[in-house]
Amino acid sequence: MPDRLLLDVARSADRIPEAVLRGFFVCAADIAWTFRMGGVRQLERNLTHVFASEMRQAHELIDNRKLRRRVRRCSRQGMRSYFAYFCEAMTGGARSEQQLRARIRGMGGGFDSIADNARQGTSSLIAMGHQGNWDYAGYWAQFEVAPVVTVAERLANAELLRTFVEIRERLGMRILLTGQHDLTDRLRNALHDSTVVVPLLADRDLSRHGIFVHAFDSTIRVARGPAALAYDTGNPLYVVNLYREKLSGQRKKQAGAPYGYVCDISGPVDVHKFREMPRQEALQAISQAWVDLWARGIAAHPQDWHMLQPLFLEDLDRSRLHDVPDGLRSRMDDKSFGQ
């Protein structure tokens, strides 16, 4: 996604009709999908893991042609969802409270629990992936659960980073940035000092020191933050999956948009049963527990998963991997690995 385009959209958000912007981004998504530009091929490799795993669990013979067609159809939806996220993220500050609150709703087995925690003064952690529109979810959470403190990736383009942060802060979120040496301590303090929700995008590790877990009959490396903070602080850990839904009736009118989002909250993960383990083993087990919940949500709504980067171990640059367990390293050295 060109940085200049995003900046121009953010500056013009209150002057260009939203329907025009949506149509433009849909066309851009279709062009990228048609010519497999950007991360489309990687998105399709990631989706192949999801669908192939689903077929194996159903004891279904994997027909590669059928699998490729299914992946290709889903990747088109995925690119439209991905581009829609950027359109909405850069223009969120120009939308009214009524519009934004009508565009997202909460549900799931953990929804009542996390809201009850906030009413009782207990902060909660959330592990989530690059799925749906997490900025809308952050805005919605301050009304339905608690104010949000979260982490944004530090971008190379300082102006774009500043714009993203300003929009999110305007939506009521407190933003910390990756790369700060005291980031973990600041998150711990946020959880302790007031009642907040700390959602962390964790399905891809940016530190190169994440935790390897099993997902979709393969291995991925996730950020250690959700597990480490839950283990160290004792705060409950939930999992969120976000996906789009078509709106109708009064809600569509209030939203001023044809689509909204579902914030599906699972958990909490029972962290306490891992507290007798050595810390590293506990973090591994906690991470696997939240990934199991998250993966079920991805399998149910793969069209809104915006993972356009290498994620599965077969696609990662092995020369850049750190802290790889010996057993996993042996598997990777096997000549049949990834075939």
C-alpha atoms as a PDB file:
ATOM      1  CA  MET A   1       0.000   0.000   0.000  1.00  0.00           C
ATOM      2  CA  PRO A   2       1.704   3.262  -1.095  1.00  0.00           C
ATOM      3  CA  ASP A   3       2.459   5.522   1.865  1.00  0.00           C
ATOM      4  CA  ARG A   4       1.628   8.696  -0.052  1.00  0.00           C
ATOM      5  CA  LEU A   5      -1.820   7.370  -0.983  1.00  0.00           C
ATOM      6  CA  LEU A   6      -2.629   6.588   2.649  1.00  0.00           C
ATOM      7  CA  LEU A   7      -1.492  10.027   3.784  1.00  0.00           C
ATOM      8  CA  ASP A   8      -3.571  11.723   1.081  1.00  0.00           C
ATOM      9  CA  VAL A   9      -6.632   9.698   2.083  1.00  0.00           C
ATOM     10  CA  ALA A  10      -6.162  10.628   5.748  1.00  0.00           C
ATOM     11  CA  ARG A  11      -5.909  14.348   4.884  1.00  0.00           C
ATOM     12  CA  SER A  12      -9.003  14.212   2.651  1.00  0.00           C
ATOM     13  CA  ALA A  13     -11.135  11.953   4.859  1.00  0.00           C
ATOM     14  CA  ASP A  14     -13.733  14.605   5.635  1.00  0.00           C
ATOM     15  CA  ARG A  15     -13.961  15.897   2.062  1.00  0.00           C
ATOM     16  CA  ILE A  16     -14.289  12.771  -0.098  1.00  0.00           C
ATOM     17  CA  PRO A  17     -17.548  10.796   0.180  1.00  0.00           C
ATOM     18  CA  GLU A  18     -16.860   7.529   1.962  1.00  0.00           C
ATOM     19  CA  ALA A  19     -18.652   5.508  -0.724  1.00  0.00           C
ATOM     20  CA  VAL A  20     -16.212   6.892  -3.311  1.00  0.00           C
ATOM     21  CA  LEU A  21     -13.228   5.919  -1.172  1.00  0.00           C
ATOM     22  CA  ARG A  22     -14.637   2.445  -0.581  1.00  0.00           C
ATOM     23  CA  GLY A  23     -15.173   1.926  -4.302  1.00  0.00           C
ATOM     24  CA  PHE A  24     -11.643   3.092  -5.087  1.00  0.00           C
ATOM     25  CA  PHE A  25     -10.097   0.721  -2.549  1.00  0.00           C
ATOM     26  CA  VAL A  26     -12.183  -2.213  -3.807  1.00  0.00           C
ATOM     27  CA  CYS A  27     -10.916  -1.558  -7.337  1.00  0.00           C
ATOM     28  CA  ALA A  28      -7.340  -1.296  -6.075  1.00  0.00           C
ATOM     29  CA  ALA A  29      -7.742  -4.575  -4.188  1.00  0.00           C
ATOM     30  CA  ASP A  30      -9.076  -6.340  -7.283  1.00  0.00           C
ATOM     31  CA  ILE A  31      -6.182  -5.061  -9.396  1.00  0.00           C
ATOM     32  CA  ALA A  32      -3.660  -6.266  -6.823  1.00  0.00           C
ATOM     33  CA  TRP A  33      -5.418  -9.635  -6.642  1.00  0.00           C
ATOM     34  CA  THR A  34      -5.705 -10.065 -10.418  1.00  0.00           C
ATOM     35  CA  PHE A  35      -2.014  -9.436 -11.026  1.00  0.00           C
ATOM     36  CA  ARG A  36      -0.909 -10.999  -7.730  1.00  0.00           C
ATOM     37  CA  MET A  37       0.851  -7.841  -6.691  1.00  0.00           C
ATOM     38  CA  GLY A  38       2.308  -7.143  -3.267  1.00  0.00           C
ATOM     39  CA  GLY A  39       1.699  -9.921  -0.779  1.00  0.00           C
ATOM     40  CA  VAL A  40      -1.057 -11.784  -2.633  1.00  0.00           C
ATOM     41  CA  ARG A  41       1.068 -14.865  -3.313  1.00  0.00           C
ATOM     42  CA  GLN A  42       2.123 -15.038   0.325  1.00  0.00           C
ATOM     43  CA  LEU A  43      -1.463 -14.594   1.484  1.00  0.00           C
ATOM     44  CA  GLU A  44      -2.412 -17.535  -0.708  1.00  0.00           C
ATOM     45  CA  ARG A  45       0.387 -19.672   0.719  1.00  0.00           C
ATOM     46  CA  ASN A  46      -0.872 -18.896   4.209  1.00  0.00           C
ATOM     47  CA  LEU A  47      -4.475 -19.665   3.268  1.00  0.00           C
ATOM     48  CA  THR A  48      -3.362 -22.954   1.716  1.00  0.00           C
ATOM     49  CA  HIS A  49      -2.197 -24.080   5.159  1.00  0.00           C
ATOM     50  CA  VAL A  50      -5.583 -23.181   6.645  1.00  0.00           C
ATOM     51  CA  PHE A  51      -7.679 -24.975   4.022  1.00  0.00           C
ATOM     52  CA  ALA A  52      -5.425 -28.024   3.676  1.00  0.00           C
ATOM     53  CA  SER A  53      -5.509 -28.496   7.443  1.00  0.00           C
ATOM     54  CA  GLU A  54      -9.295 -28.245   7.425  1.00  0.00           C
ATOM     55  CA  MET A  55      -9.514 -30.880   4.689  1.00  0.00           C
ATOM     56  CA  ARG A  56      -7.203 -33.246   6.554  1.00  0.00           C
ATOM     57  CA  GLN A  57      -9.197 -32.880   9.771  1.00  0.00           C
ATOM     58  CA  ALA A  58     -12.344 -33.738   7.822  1.00  0.00           C
ATOM     59  CA  HIS A  59     -10.527 -36.820   6.436  1.00  0.00           C
ATOM     60  CA  GLU A  60     -11.062 -35.370   3.005  1.00  0.00           C
ATOM     61  CA  LEU A  61      -8.751 -36.296   0.177  1.00  0.00           C
ATOM     62  CA  ILE A  62      -6.829 -33.162  -0.811  1.00  0.00           C
ATOM     63  CA  ASP A  63      -7.568 -32.301  -4.411  1.00  0.00           C
ATOM     64  CA  ASN A  64      -4.886 -29.741  -5.301  1.00  0.00           C
ATOM     65  CA  ARG A  65      -6.952 -28.193  -8.073  1.00  0.00           C
ATOM     66  CA  LYS A  66      -9.947 -27.784  -5.791  1.00  0.00           C
ATOM     67  CA  LEU A  67      -7.691 -26.424  -3.061  1.00  0.00           C
ATOM     68  CA  ARG A  68      -6.130 -23.840  -5.385  1.00  0.00           C
ATOM     69  CA  ARG A  69      -9.569 -22.638  -6.542  1.00  0.00           C
ATOM     70  CA  ARG A  70     -10.753 -22.269  -2.975  1.00  0.00           C
ATOM     71  CA  VAL A  71      -7.613 -20.399  -1.963  1.00  0.00           C
ATOM     72  CA  ARG A  72      -7.852 -18.119  -4.965  1.00  0.00           C
ATOM     73  CA  ARG A  73     -11.481 -17.207  -4.225  1.00  0.00           C
ATOM     74  CA  CYS A  74     -10.691 -16.516  -0.589  1.00  0.00           C
ATOM     75  CA  SER A  75      -7.605 -14.447  -1.380  1.00  0.00           C
ATOM     76  CA  ARG A  76      -9.771 -12.081  -3.436  1.00  0.00           C
ATOM     77  CA  GLN A  77     -12.057 -11.582  -0.449  1.00  0.00           C
ATOM     78  CA  GLY A  78      -8.979 -11.246   1.735  1.00  0.00           C
ATOM     79  CA  MET A  79      -7.471  -8.497  -0.390  1.00  0.00           C
ATOM     80  CA  ARG A  80     -10.764  -6.600  -0.401  1.00  0.00           C
ATOM     81  CA  SER A  81     -10.916  -6.911   3.374  1.00  0.00           C
ATOM     82  CA  TYR A  82      -7.267  -5.830   3.676  1.00  0.00           C
ATOM     83  CA  PHE A  83      -7.759  -2.745   1.514  1.00  0.00           C
ATOM     84  CA  ALA A  84     -11.011  -1.961   3.335  1.00  0.00           C
ATOM     85  CA  TYR A  85      -9.068  -1.925   6.591  1.00  0.00           C
ATOM     86  CA  PHE A  86      -6.684   0.741   5.311  1.00  0.00           C
ATOM     87  CA  CYS A  87      -9.540   2.800   3.904  1.00  0.00           C
ATOM     88  CA  GLU A  88     -11.332   2.681   7.252  1.00  0.00           C
ATOM     89  CA  ALA A  89      -8.197   3.107   9.378  1.00  0.00           C
ATOM     90  CA  MET A  90      -7.126   6.278   7.593  1.00  0.00           C
ATOM     91  CA  THR A  91     -10.601   7.823   7.735  1.00  0.00           C
ATOM     92  CA  GLY A  92     -11.788   6.681  11.164  1.00  0.00           C
ATOM     93  CA  GLY A  93     -11.165  10.080  12.703  1.00  0.00           C
ATOM     94  CA  ALA A  94     -13.693  11.640  10.312  1.00  0.00           C
ATOM     95  CA  ARG A  95     -16.537   9.324  11.350  1.00  0.00           C
ATOM     96  CA  SER A  96     -19.086  10.105  14.055  1.00  0.00           C
ATOM     97  CA  GLU A  97     -19.500   8.166  17.285  1.00  0.00           C
ATOM     98  CA  GLN A  98     -22.844   6.847  16.038  1.00  0.00           C
ATOM     99  CA  GLN A  99     -21.303   5.602  12.802  1.00  0.00           C
ATOM    100  CA  LEU A 100     -18.367   3.872  14.466  1.00  0.00           C
ATOM    101  CA  ARG A 101     -20.365   2.240  17.246  1.00  0.00           C
ATOM    102  CA  ALA A 102     -22.898   0.930  14.733  1.00  0.00           C
ATOM    103  CA  ARG A 103     -20.105  -0.650  12.693  1.00  0.00           C
ATOM    104  CA  ILE A 104     -19.012  -3.160  15.324  1.00  0.00           C
ATOM    105  CA  ARG A 105     -20.632  -5.442  17.865  1.00  0.00           C
ATOM    106  CA  GLY A 106     -19.281  -7.860  20.441  1.00  0.00           C
ATOM    107  CA  MET A 107     -20.100 -11.508  21.011  1.00  0.00           C
ATOM    108  CA  GLY A 108     -18.504 -14.779  22.063  1.00  0.00           C
ATOM    109  CA  GLY A 109     -18.008 -16.833  25.196  1.00  0.00           C
ATOM    110  CA  GLY A 110     -15.595 -14.313  26.684  1.00  0.00           C
ATOM    111  CA  PHE A 111     -17.583 -11.138  26.039  1.00  0.00           C
ATOM    112  CA  ASP A 112     -19.547 -11.060  29.307  1.00  0.00           C
ATOM    113  CA  SER A 113     -16.510 -12.168  31.294  1.00  0.00           C
ATOM    114  CA  ILE A 114     -14.167  -9.451  30.033  1.00  0.00           C
ATOM    115  CA  ALA A 115     -16.845  -6.796  30.569  1.00  0.00           C
ATOM    116  CA  ASP A 116     -17.448  -8.073  34.118  1.00  0.00           C
ATOM    117  CA  ASN A 117     -13.709  -7.911  34.822  1.00  0.00           C
ATOM    118  CA  ALA A 118     -13.658  -4.249  33.789  1.00  0.00           C
ATOM    119  CA  ARG A 119     -16.652  -3.410  35.983  1.00  0.00           C
ATOM    120  CA  GLN A 120     -14.810  -5.004  38.924  1.00  0.00           C
ATOM    121  CA  GLY A 121     -11.648  -3.011  38.197  1.00  0.00           C
ATOM    122  CA  THR A 122      -9.600  -5.811  36.627  1.00  0.00           C
ATOM    123  CA  SER A 123      -7.595  -5.120  33.479  1.00  0.00           C
ATOM    124  CA  SER A 124      -7.481  -7.734  30.722  1.00  0.00           C
ATOM    125  CA  LEU A 125      -5.069  -8.791  28.008  1.00  0.00           C
ATOM    126  CA  ILE A 126      -6.135  -9.773  24.503  1.00  0.00           C
ATOM    127  CA  ALA A 127      -4.208 -11.805  21.960  1.00  0.00           C
ATOM    128  CA  MET A 128      -5.373 -11.227  18.410  1.00  0.00           C
ATOM    129  CA  GLY A 129      -4.232 -11.478  14.815  1.00  0.00           C
ATOM    130  CA  HIS A 130      -4.188  -9.292  11.739  1.00  0.00           C
ATOM    131  CA  GLN A 131      -7.871  -9.802  11.063  1.00  0.00           C
ATOM    132  CA  GLY A 132     -10.756  -7.432  10.375  1.00  0.00           C
ATOM    133  CA  ASN A 133     -10.466  -3.853  11.622  1.00  0.00           C
ATOM    134  CA  TRP A 134      -8.706  -3.712  14.988  1.00  0.00           C
ATOM    135  CA  ASP A 135      -8.895   0.092  15.091  1.00  0.00           C
ATOM    136  CA  TYR A 136     -12.693  -0.020  15.097  1.00  0.00           C
ATOM    137  CA  ALA A 137     -12.488  -2.677  17.815  1.00  0.00           C
ATOM    138  CA  GLY A 138     -10.245  -0.443  19.912  1.00  0.00           C
ATOM    139  CA  TYR A 139     -12.717   2.413  19.626  1.00  0.00           C
ATOM    140  CA  TRP A 140     -15.669   0.167  20.476  1.00  0.00           C
ATOM    141  CA  ALA A 141     -13.929  -1.356  23.512  1.00  0.00           C
ATOM    142  CA  GLN A 142     -13.774   1.919  25.439  1.00  0.00           C
ATOM    143  CA  PHE A 143     -17.586   1.966  25.557  1.00  0.00           C
ATOM    144  CA  GLU A 144     -18.325  -1.734  25.989  1.00  0.00           C
ATOM    145  CA  VAL A 145     -15.340  -2.926  28.049  1.00  0.00           C
ATOM    146  CA  ALA A 146     -12.588  -0.469  29.054  1.00  0.00           C
ATOM    147  CA  PRO A 147     -10.144   2.053  27.555  1.00  0.00           C
ATOM    148  CA  VAL A 148      -7.483   0.548  25.313  1.00  0.00           C
ATOM    149  CA  VAL A 149      -3.708   0.653  25.660  1.00  0.00           C
ATOM    150  CA  THR A 150      -1.961  -1.063  22.784  1.00  0.00           C
ATOM    151  CA  VAL A 151       1.247  -1.284  20.760  1.00  0.00           C
ATOM    152  CA  ALA A 152       1.801  -0.103  17.195  1.00  0.00           C
ATOM    153  CA  GLU A 153       4.622  -1.209  14.955  1.00  0.00           C
ATOM    154  CA  ARG A 154       7.213   1.496  14.377  1.00  0.00           C
ATOM    155  CA  LEU A 155       7.097   2.276  10.631  1.00  0.00           C
ATOM    156  CA  ALA A 156       9.963   3.459   8.463  1.00  0.00           C
ATOM    157  CA  ASN A 157       7.863   6.405   7.257  1.00  0.00           C
ATOM    158  CA  ALA A 158       7.727   8.731  10.276  1.00  0.00           C
ATOM    159  CA  GLU A 159       4.914  10.862   8.815  1.00  0.00           C
ATOM    160  CA  LEU A 160       2.715   7.830   8.188  1.00  0.00           C
ATOM    161  CA  LEU A 161       3.427   6.509  11.673  1.00  0.00           C
ATOM    162  CA  ARG A 162       2.525   9.853  13.213  1.00  0.00           C
ATOM    163  CA  THR A 163      -0.728   9.919  11.210  1.00  0.00           C
ATOM    164  CA  PHE A 164      -1.699   6.402  12.312  1.00  0.00           C
ATOM    165  CA  VAL A 165      -0.963   7.223  15.946  1.00  0.00           C
ATOM    166  CA  GLU A 166      -2.864  10.527  15.826  1.00  0.00           C
ATOM    167  CA  ILE A 167      -5.960   8.867  14.333  1.00  0.00           C
ATOM    168  CA  ARG A 168      -5.931   6.098  16.928  1.00  0.00           C
ATOM    169  CA  GLU A 169      -5.427   8.534  19.774  1.00  0.00           C
ATOM    170  CA  ARG A 170      -8.333  10.583  18.427  1.00  0.00           C
ATOM    171  CA  LEU A 171     -10.383   7.399  18.654  1.00  0.00           C
ATOM    172  CA  GLY A 172      -9.541   7.142  22.346  1.00  0.00           C
ATOM    173  CA  MET A 173      -6.658   4.671  22.357  1.00  0.00           C
ATOM    174  CA  ARG A 174      -3.308   5.074  24.079  1.00  0.00           C
ATOM    175  CA  ILE A 175      -0.541   3.982  21.694  1.00  0.00           C
ATOM    176  CA  LEU A 176       2.909   2.688  22.607  1.00  0.00           C
ATOM    177  CA  LEU A 177       5.489   1.884  19.932  1.00  0.00           C
ATOM    178  CA  THR A 178       7.612  -1.183  19.277  1.00  0.00           C
ATOM    179  CA  GLY A 179      11.316  -0.805  19.858  1.00  0.00           C
ATOM    180  CA  GLN A 180      11.032   1.020  23.184  1.00  0.00           C
ATOM    181  CA  HIS A 181      13.400  -0.575  25.700  1.00  0.00           C
ATOM    182  CA  ASP A 182      10.870  -0.247  28.528  1.00  0.00           C
ATOM    183  CA  LEU A 183       7.831  -1.332  26.520  1.00  0.00           C
ATOM    184  CA  THR A 184       7.016  -4.394  28.617  1.00  0.00           C
ATOM    185  CA  ASP A 185       7.286  -2.416  31.863  1.00  0.00           C
ATOM    186  CA  ARG A 186       5.001   0.275  30.482  1.00  0.00           C
ATOM    187  CA  LEU A 187       2.392  -2.333  29.557  1.00  0.00           C
ATOM    188  CA  ARG A 188       2.654  -3.891  33.027  1.00  0.00           C
ATOM    189  CA  ASN A 189       2.178  -0.477  34.585  1.00  0.00           C
ATOM    190  CA  ALA A 190      -0.841   0.221  32.374  1.00  0.00           C
ATOM    191  CA  LEU A 191      -2.458  -3.039  33.487  1.00  0.00           C
ATOM    192  CA  HIS A 192      -1.766  -2.228  37.137  1.00  0.00           C
ATOM    193  CA  ASP A 193      -2.427   1.494  37.345  1.00  0.00           C
ATOM    194  CA  SER A 194      -5.978   1.629  35.968  1.00  0.00           C
ATOM    195  CA  THR A 195      -8.686  -0.548  34.423  1.00  0.00           C
ATOM    196  CA  VAL A 196      -7.773  -1.038  30.776  1.00  0.00           C
ATOM    197  CA  VAL A 197      -7.785  -3.551  27.964  1.00  0.00           C
ATOM    198  CA  VAL A 198      -4.421  -4.336  26.365  1.00  0.00           C
ATOM    199  CA  PRO A 199      -4.936  -5.958  22.939  1.00  0.00           C
ATOM    200  CA  LEU A 200      -1.774  -7.167  21.211  1.00  0.00           C
ATOM    201  CA  LEU A 201      -1.447  -8.185  17.561  1.00  0.00           C
ATOM    202  CA  ALA A 202       0.506 -11.359  18.127  1.00  0.00           C
ATOM    203  CA  ASP A 203       0.084 -13.778  15.213  1.00  0.00           C
ATOM    204  CA  ARG A 204       3.433 -12.660  13.783  1.00  0.00           C
ATOM    205  CA  ASP A 205       6.569 -12.149  15.855  1.00  0.00           C
ATOM    206  CA  LEU A 206       8.455  -8.920  15.157  1.00  0.00           C
ATOM    207  CA  SER A 207      11.152  -9.375  17.783  1.00  0.00           C
ATOM    208  CA  ARG A 208      12.776 -12.529  16.323  1.00  0.00           C
ATOM    209  CA  HIS A 209      12.553 -13.997  19.825  1.00  0.00           C
ATOM    210  CA  GLY A 210       8.964 -15.226  19.766  1.00  0.00           C
ATOM    211  CA  ILE A 211       7.469 -18.578  20.661  1.00  0.00           C
ATOM    212  CA  PHE A 212       7.007 -21.472  18.255  1.00  0.00           C
ATOM    213  CA  VAL A 213       3.529 -23.024  18.370  1.00  0.00           C
ATOM    214  CA  HIS A 214       1.518 -25.525  16.370  1.00  0.00           C
ATOM    215  CA  ALA A 215      -1.145 -24.183  13.994  1.00  0.00           C
ATOM    216  CA  PHE A 216      -2.863 -25.612  10.919  1.00  0.00           C
ATOM    217  CA  ASP A 217      -0.665 -28.750  10.863  1.00  0.00           C
ATOM    218  CA  SER A 218       2.454 -26.615  10.771  1.00  0.00           C
ATOM    219  CA  THR A 219       4.474 -24.324  13.039  1.00  0.00           C
ATOM    220  CA  ILE A 220       4.270 -20.556  13.383  1.00  0.00           C
ATOM    221  CA  ARG A 221       6.160 -18.126  15.581  1.00  0.00           C
ATOM    222  CA  VAL A 222       3.990 -15.787  17.636  1.00  0.00           C
ATOM    223  CA  ALA A 223       4.831 -12.831  19.844  1.00  0.00           C
ATOM    224  CA  ARG A 224       5.598 -13.752  23.439  1.00  0.00           C
ATOM    225  CA  GLY A 225       3.926 -10.607  24.829  1.00  0.00           C
ATOM    226  CA  PRO A 226       0.424 -11.953  25.604  1.00  0.00           C
ATOM    227  CA  ALA A 227       1.712 -15.066  27.367  1.00  0.00           C
ATOM    228  CA  ALA A 228       4.514 -13.267  29.210  1.00  0.00           C
ATOM    229  CA  LEU A 229       2.305 -10.450  30.488  1.00  0.00           C
ATOM    230  CA  ALA A 230      -0.458 -12.843  31.540  1.00  0.00           C
ATOM    231  CA  TYR A 231       2.038 -15.083  33.352  1.00  0.00           C
ATOM    232  CA  ASP A 232       3.875 -12.232  35.065  1.00  0.00           C
ATOM    233  CA  THR A 233       0.888 -10.075  36.049  1.00  0.00           C
ATOM    234  CA  GLY A 234      -1.878 -12.619  36.590  1.00  0.00           C
ATOM    235  CA  ASN A 235      -4.278 -10.553  34.491  1.00  0.00           C
ATOM    236  CA  PRO A 236      -6.759 -12.619  32.439  1.00  0.00           C
ATOM    237  CA  LEU A 237      -5.893 -13.348  28.803  1.00  0.00           C
ATOM    238  CA  TYR A 238      -8.593 -13.404  26.132  1.00  0.00           C
ATOM    239  CA  VAL A 239      -8.530 -14.041  22.386  1.00  0.00           C
ATOM    240  CA  VAL A 240     -10.288 -11.914  19.769  1.00  0.00           C
ATOM    241  CA  ASN A 241     -11.207 -12.776  16.206  1.00  0.00           C
ATOM    242  CA  LEU A 242     -12.571  -9.946  14.046  1.00  0.00           C
ATOM    243  CA  TYR A 243     -14.540 -10.461  10.870  1.00  0.00           C
ATOM    244  CA  ARG A 244     -16.848  -8.500   8.600  1.00  0.00           C
ATOM    245  CA  GLU A 245     -20.595  -8.873   8.383  1.00  0.00           C
ATOM    246  CA  LYS A 246     -23.170  -7.338   6.065  1.00  0.00           C
ATOM    247  CA  LEU A 247     -25.346  -4.723   7.737  1.00  0.00           C
ATOM    248  CA  SER A 248     -29.043  -4.085   7.210  1.00  0.00           C
ATOM    249  CA  GLY A 249     -31.939  -2.043   8.523  1.00  0.00           C
ATOM    250  CA  GLN A 250     -31.436   0.586  11.209  1.00  0.00           C
ATOM    251  CA  ARG A 251     -27.884  -0.472  11.992  1.00  0.00           C
ATOM    252  CA  LYS A 252     -26.849  -0.012   8.364  1.00  0.00           C
ATOM    253  CA  LYS A 253     -28.434   3.433   8.359  1.00  0.00           C
ATOM    254  CA  GLN A 254     -26.642   4.437  11.562  1.00  0.00           C
ATOM    255  CA  ALA A 255     -23.321   3.040  10.347  1.00  0.00           C
ATOM    256  CA  GLY A 256     -23.508   4.746   6.971  1.00  0.00           C
ATOM    257  CA  ALA A 257     -21.767   1.701   5.534  1.00  0.00           C
ATOM    258  CA  PRO A 258     -22.799  -1.629   4.015  1.00  0.00           C
ATOM    259  CA  TYR A 259     -20.462  -3.687   6.215  1.00  0.00           C
ATOM    260  CA  GLY A 260     -19.565  -3.792   9.881  1.00  0.00           C
ATOM    261  CA  TYR A 261     -17.533  -6.061  12.138  1.00  0.00           C
ATOM    262  CA  VAL A 262     -18.019  -8.731  14.747  1.00  0.00           C
ATOM    263  CA  CYS A 263     -15.618  -8.727  17.690  1.00  0.00           C
ATOM    264  CA  ASP A 264     -15.716 -12.389  18.761  1.00  0.00           C
ATOM    265  CA  ILE A 265     -14.117 -12.743  22.207  1.00  0.00           C
ATOM    266  CA  SER A 266     -12.968 -16.159  23.468  1.00  0.00           C
ATOM    267  CA  GLY A 267     -11.483 -17.225  26.763  1.00  0.00           C
ATOM    268  CA  PRO A 268     -10.112 -16.445  29.181  1.00  0.00           C
ATOM    269  CA  VAL A 269      -7.159 -18.801  28.891  1.00  0.00           C
ATOM    270  CA  ASP A 270      -6.613 -20.559  32.229  1.00  0.00           C
ATOM    271  CA  VAL A 271      -3.150 -19.183  32.905  1.00  0.00           C
ATOM    272  CA  HIS A 272      -3.068 -20.318  36.527  1.00  0.00           C
ATOM    273  CA  LYS A 273      -2.793 -24.006  35.655  1.00  0.00           C
ATOM    274  CA  PHE A 274       0.592 -23.277  34.043  1.00  0.00           C
ATOM    275  CA  ARG A 275       2.051 -21.286  36.941  1.00  0.00           C
ATOM    276  CA  GLU A 276       3.844 -24.277  38.495  1.00  0.00           C
ATOM    277  CA  MET A 277       5.811 -24.826  35.287  1.00  0.00           C
ATOM    278  CA  PRO A 278       9.221 -23.283  34.632  1.00  0.00           C
ATOM    279  CA  ARG A 279       8.602 -19.867  33.080  1.00  0.00           C
ATOM    280  CA  GLN A 280       9.658 -20.716  29.519  1.00  0.00           C
ATOM    281  CA  GLU A 281       7.569 -23.898  29.478  1.00  0.00           C
ATOM    282  CA  ALA A 282       4.619 -21.956  30.841  1.00  0.00           C
ATOM    283  CA  LEU A 283       4.921 -19.279  28.157  1.00  0.00           C
ATOM    284  CA  GLN A 284       5.000 -22.008  25.505  1.00  0.00           C
ATOM    285  CA  ALA A 285       1.867 -23.646  26.925  1.00  0.00           C
ATOM    286  CA  ILE A 286      -0.024 -20.365  27.339  1.00  0.00           C
ATOM    287  CA  SER A 287       0.874 -19.314  23.799  1.00  0.00           C
ATOM    288  CA  GLN A 288      -0.313 -22.643  22.420  1.00  0.00           C
ATOM    289  CA  ALA A 289      -3.573 -22.304  24.343  1.00  0.00           C
ATOM    290  CA  TRP A 290      -4.422 -18.872  22.922  1.00  0.00           C
ATOM    291  CA  VAL A 291      -3.301 -19.870  19.417  1.00  0.00           C
ATOM    292  CA  ASP A 292      -5.660 -22.866  19.516  1.00  0.00           C
ATOM    293  CA  LEU A 293      -8.578 -20.506  20.185  1.00  0.00           C
ATOM    294  CA  TRP A 294      -7.386 -17.984  17.603  1.00  0.00           C
ATOM    295  CA  ALA A 295      -6.893 -20.643  14.907  1.00  0.00           C
ATOM    296  CA  ARG A 296     -10.499 -21.784  15.231  1.00  0.00           C
ATOM    297  CA  GLY A 297     -11.607 -18.233  14.501  1.00  0.00           C
ATOM    298  CA  ILE A 298      -9.293 -17.966  11.501  1.00  0.00           C
ATOM    299  CA  ALA A 299     -10.600 -21.256  10.108  1.00  0.00           C
ATOM    300  CA  ALA A 300     -14.174 -19.982  10.487  1.00  0.00           C
ATOM    301  CA  HIS A 301     -13.468 -16.598   8.840  1.00  0.00           C
ATOM    302  CA  PRO A 302     -10.294 -16.852   6.736  1.00  0.00           C
ATOM    303  CA  GLN A 303     -11.454 -14.149   4.315  1.00  0.00           C
ATOM    304  CA  ASP A 304     -10.691 -11.426   6.872  1.00  0.00           C
ATOM    305  CA  TRP A 305      -7.193 -12.595   7.820  1.00  0.00           C
ATOM    306  CA  HIS A 306      -4.714  -9.996   6.526  1.00  0.00           C
ATOM    307  CA  MET A 307      -1.515 -12.034   6.789  1.00  0.00           C
ATOM    308  CA  LEU A 308       0.443 -11.023   3.706  1.00  0.00           C
ATOM    309  CA  GLN A 309       3.849 -11.847   5.237  1.00  0.00           C
ATOM    310  CA  PRO A 310       5.602 -15.199   5.707  1.00  0.00           C
ATOM    311  CA  LEU A 311       4.237 -16.849   8.816  1.00  0.00           C
ATOM    312  CA  PHE A 312       4.543 -20.609   8.604  1.00  0.00           C
ATOM    313  CA  LEU A 313       7.916 -22.151   9.330  1.00  0.00           C
ATOM    314  CA  GLU A 314       8.236 -23.502   5.794  1.00  0.00           C
ATOM    315  CA  ASP A 315       8.267 -19.926   4.455  1.00  0.00           C
ATOM    316  CA  LEU A 316      10.580 -18.281   6.986  1.00  0.00           C
ATOM    317  CA  ASP A 317      14.207 -17.368   6.340  1.00  0.00           C
ATOM    318  CA  ARG A 318      15.972 -19.940   8.482  1.00  0.00           C
ATOM    319  CA  SER A 319      19.207 -17.950   8.607  1.00  0.00           C
ATOM    320  CA  ARG A 320      17.387 -15.190  10.521  1.00  0.00           C
ATOM    321  CA  LEU A 321      15.645 -17.431  13.057  1.00  0.00           C
ATOM    322  CA  HIS A 322      16.873 -17.222  16.641  1.00  0.00           C
ATOM    323  CA  ASP A 323      16.251 -19.424  19.689  1.00  0.00           C
ATOM    324  CA  VAL A 324      14.944 -22.338  17.651  1.00  0.00           C
ATOM    325  CA  PRO A 325      14.374 -25.436  19.838  1.00  0.00           C
ATOM    326  CA  ASP A 326      16.683 -28.328  18.979  1.00  0.00           C
ATOM    327  CA  GLY A 327      13.841 -30.654  18.005  1.00  0.00           C
ATOM    328  CA  LEU A 328      12.382 -28.088  15.652  1.00  0.00           C
ATOM    329  CA  ARG A 329      15.791 -27.312  14.165  1.00  0.00           C
ATOM    330  CA  SER A 330      16.254 -31.015  13.403  1.00  0.00           C
ATOM    331  CA  ARG A 331      12.919 -31.075  11.594  1.00  0.00           C
ATOM    332  CA  MET A 332      13.918 -28.043   9.554  1.00  0.00           C
ATOM    333  CA  ASP A 333      17.212 -29.689   8.582  1.00  0.00           C
ATOM    334  CA  ASP A 334      15.360 -32.727   7.249  1.00  0.00           C
ATOM    335  CA  LYS A 335      15.450 -32.655   3.461  1.00  0.00           C
ATOM    336  CA  SER A 336      11.740 -33.462   3.262  1.00  0.00           C
ATOM    337  CA  PHE A 337      10.762 -30.444   5.409  1.00  0.00           C
ATOM    338  CA  GLY A 338       8.218 -28.226   3.680  1.00  0.00           C
ATOM    339  CA  GLN A 339       7.625 -30.612   0.788  1.00  0.00           C
END
